[in-house]
Amino acid sequence: NRIKDVKRDIARIKTILRERQLAMEME
């Protein structure tokens, strides 16, 4: 299902961005 793959990619990107933001706040 293409829509499901897109949602999965969006969730992955959001997770990466959140982790990156947390890492920046840690510094």
PDB file of N, CA and C in Angstrom:
ATOM      1  N   ASN A   1       0.858  -1.195   0.000  1.00  0.00           N
ATOM      2  CA  ASN A   1       0.000   0.000   0.000  1.00  0.00           C
ATOM      3  C   ASN A   1       0.889   1.238   0.000  1.00  0.00           C
ATOM      4  N   ARG A   2       0.752   2.057  -1.011  1.00  0.00           N
ATOM      5  CA  ARG A   2       1.643   3.208  -1.164  1.00  0.00           C
ATOM      6  C   ARG A   2       1.400   4.244  -0.063  1.00  0.00           C
ATOM      7  N   ILE A   3       0.123   4.469   0.277  1.00  0.00           N
ATOM      8  CA  ILE A   3      -0.186   5.469   1.309  1.00  0.00           C
ATOM      9  C   ILE A   3       0.431   5.057   2.643  1.00  0.00           C
ATOM     10  N   LYS A   4       0.369   3.772   2.945  1.00  0.00           N
ATOM     11  CA  LYS A   4       0.924   3.285   4.212  1.00  0.00           C
ATOM     12  C   LYS A   4       2.437   3.517   4.244  1.00  0.00           C
ATOM     13  N   ASP A   5       3.096   3.298   3.091  1.00  0.00           N
ATOM     14  CA  ASP A   5       4.541   3.525   3.025  1.00  0.00           C
ATOM     15  C   ASP A   5       4.860   4.996   3.246  1.00  0.00           C
ATOM     16  N   VAL A   6       4.052   5.879   2.661  1.00  0.00           N
ATOM     17  CA  VAL A   6       4.291   7.316   2.825  1.00  0.00           C
ATOM     18  C   VAL A   6       4.140   7.703   4.288  1.00  0.00           C
ATOM     19  N   LYS A   7       3.080   7.204   4.933  1.00  0.00           N
ATOM     20  CA  LYS A   7       2.872   7.531   6.347  1.00  0.00           C
ATOM     21  C   LYS A   7       4.032   7.011   7.183  1.00  0.00           C
ATOM     22  N   ARG A   8       4.545   5.826   6.832  1.00  0.00           N
ATOM     23  CA  ARG A   8       5.663   5.264   7.580  1.00  0.00           C
ATOM     24  C   ARG A   8       6.903   6.146   7.401  1.00  0.00           C
ATOM     25  N   ASP A   9       7.131   6.628   6.169  1.00  0.00           N
ATOM     26  CA  ASP A   9       8.280   7.499   5.922  1.00  0.00           C
ATOM     27  C   ASP A   9       8.139   8.805   6.691  1.00  0.00           C
ATOM     28  N   ILE A  10       6.931   9.361   6.720  1.00  0.00           N
ATOM     29  CA  ILE A  10       6.709  10.615   7.449  1.00  0.00           C
ATOM     30  C   ILE A  10       6.984  10.407   8.932  1.00  0.00           C
ATOM     31  N   ALA A  11       6.505   9.299   9.478  1.00  0.00           N
ATOM     32  CA  ALA A  11       6.738   9.022  10.895  1.00  0.00           C
ATOM     33  C   ALA A  11       8.233   8.895  11.166  1.00  0.00           C
ATOM     34  N   ARG A  12       8.961   8.244  10.239  1.00  0.00           N
ATOM     35  CA  ARG A  12      10.406   8.079  10.419  1.00  0.00           C
ATOM     36  C   ARG A  12      11.096   9.442  10.385  1.00  0.00           C
ATOM     37  N   ILE A  13      10.699  10.296   9.439  1.00  0.00           N
ATOM     38  CA  ILE A  13      11.312  11.622   9.332  1.00  0.00           C
ATOM     39  C   ILE A  13      11.024  12.443  10.583  1.00  0.00           C
ATOM     40  N   LYS A  14       9.788  12.390  11.070  1.00  0.00           N
ATOM     41  CA  LYS A  14       9.443  13.139  12.282  1.00  0.00           C
ATOM     42  C   LYS A  14      10.287  12.661  13.453  1.00  0.00           C
ATOM     43  N   THR A  15      10.502  11.346  13.542  1.00  0.00           N
ATOM     44  CA  THR A  15      11.307  10.813  14.636  1.00  0.00           C
ATOM     45  C   THR A  15      12.738  11.316  14.534  1.00  0.00           C
ATOM     46  N   ILE A  16      13.303  11.295  13.309  1.00  0.00           N
ATOM     47  CA  ILE A  16      14.676  11.764  13.110  1.00  0.00           C
ATOM     48  C   ILE A  16      14.788  13.240  13.459  1.00  0.00           C
ATOM     49  N   LEU A  17      13.824  14.036  13.001  1.00  0.00           N
ATOM     50  CA  LEU A  17      13.872  15.473  13.288  1.00  0.00           C
ATOM     51  C   LEU A  17      13.764  15.722  14.786  1.00  0.00           C
ATOM     52  N   ARG A  18      12.909  14.970  15.479  1.00  0.00           N
ATOM     53  CA  ARG A  18      12.740  15.146  16.919  1.00  0.00           C
ATOM     54  C   ARG A  18      14.036  14.796  17.642  1.00  0.00           C
ATOM     55  N   GLU A  19      14.681  13.681  17.242  1.00  0.00           N
ATOM     56  CA  GLU A  19      15.932  13.290  17.886  1.00  0.00           C
ATOM     57  C   GLU A  19      17.011  14.328  17.620  1.00  0.00           C
ATOM     58  N   ARG A  20      17.043  14.871  16.379  1.00  0.00           N
ATOM     59  CA  ARG A  20      18.047  15.873  16.031  1.00  0.00           C
ATOM     60  C   ARG A  20      17.818  17.140  16.856  1.00  0.00           C
ATOM     61  N   GLN A  21      16.546  17.526  17.034  1.00  0.00           N
ATOM     62  CA  GLN A  21      16.233  18.728  17.812  1.00  0.00           C
ATOM     63  C   GLN A  21      16.646  18.531  19.272  1.00  0.00           C
ATOM     64  N   LEU A  22      16.373  17.334  19.811  1.00  0.00           N
ATOM     65  CA  LEU A  22      16.764  17.051  21.188  1.00  0.00           C
ATOM     66  C   LEU A  22      18.286  17.096  21.320  1.00  0.00           C
ATOM     67  N   ALA A  23      18.993  16.568  20.338  1.00  0.00           N
ATOM     68  CA  ALA A  23      20.455  16.572  20.372  1.00  0.00           C
ATOM     69  C   ALA A  23      20.977  18.005  20.345  1.00  0.00           C
ATOM     70  N   MET A  24      20.346  18.869  19.558  1.00  0.00           N
ATOM     71  CA  MET A  24      20.781  20.258  19.479  1.00  0.00           C
ATOM     72  C   MET A  24      20.525  20.963  20.806  1.00  0.00           C
ATOM     73  N   GLU A  25      19.411  20.639  21.469  1.00  0.00           N
ATOM     74  CA  GLU A  25      19.106  21.271  22.749  1.00  0.00           C
ATOM     75  C   GLU A  25      20.070  20.796  23.838  1.00  0.00           C
ATOM     76  N   MET A  26      20.574  19.568  23.698  1.00  0.00           N
ATOM     77  CA  MET A  26      21.492  19.030  24.690  1.00  0.00           C
ATOM     78  C   MET A  26      22.810  19.797  24.681  1.00  0.00           C
ATOM     79  N   GLU A  27      23.276  20.195  23.499  1.00  0.00           N
ATOM     80  CA  GLU A  27      24.583  20.848  23.381  1.00  0.00           C
ATOM     81  C   GLU A  27      24.603  22.214  24.052  1.00  0.00           C
TER      82      GLU A  27
END
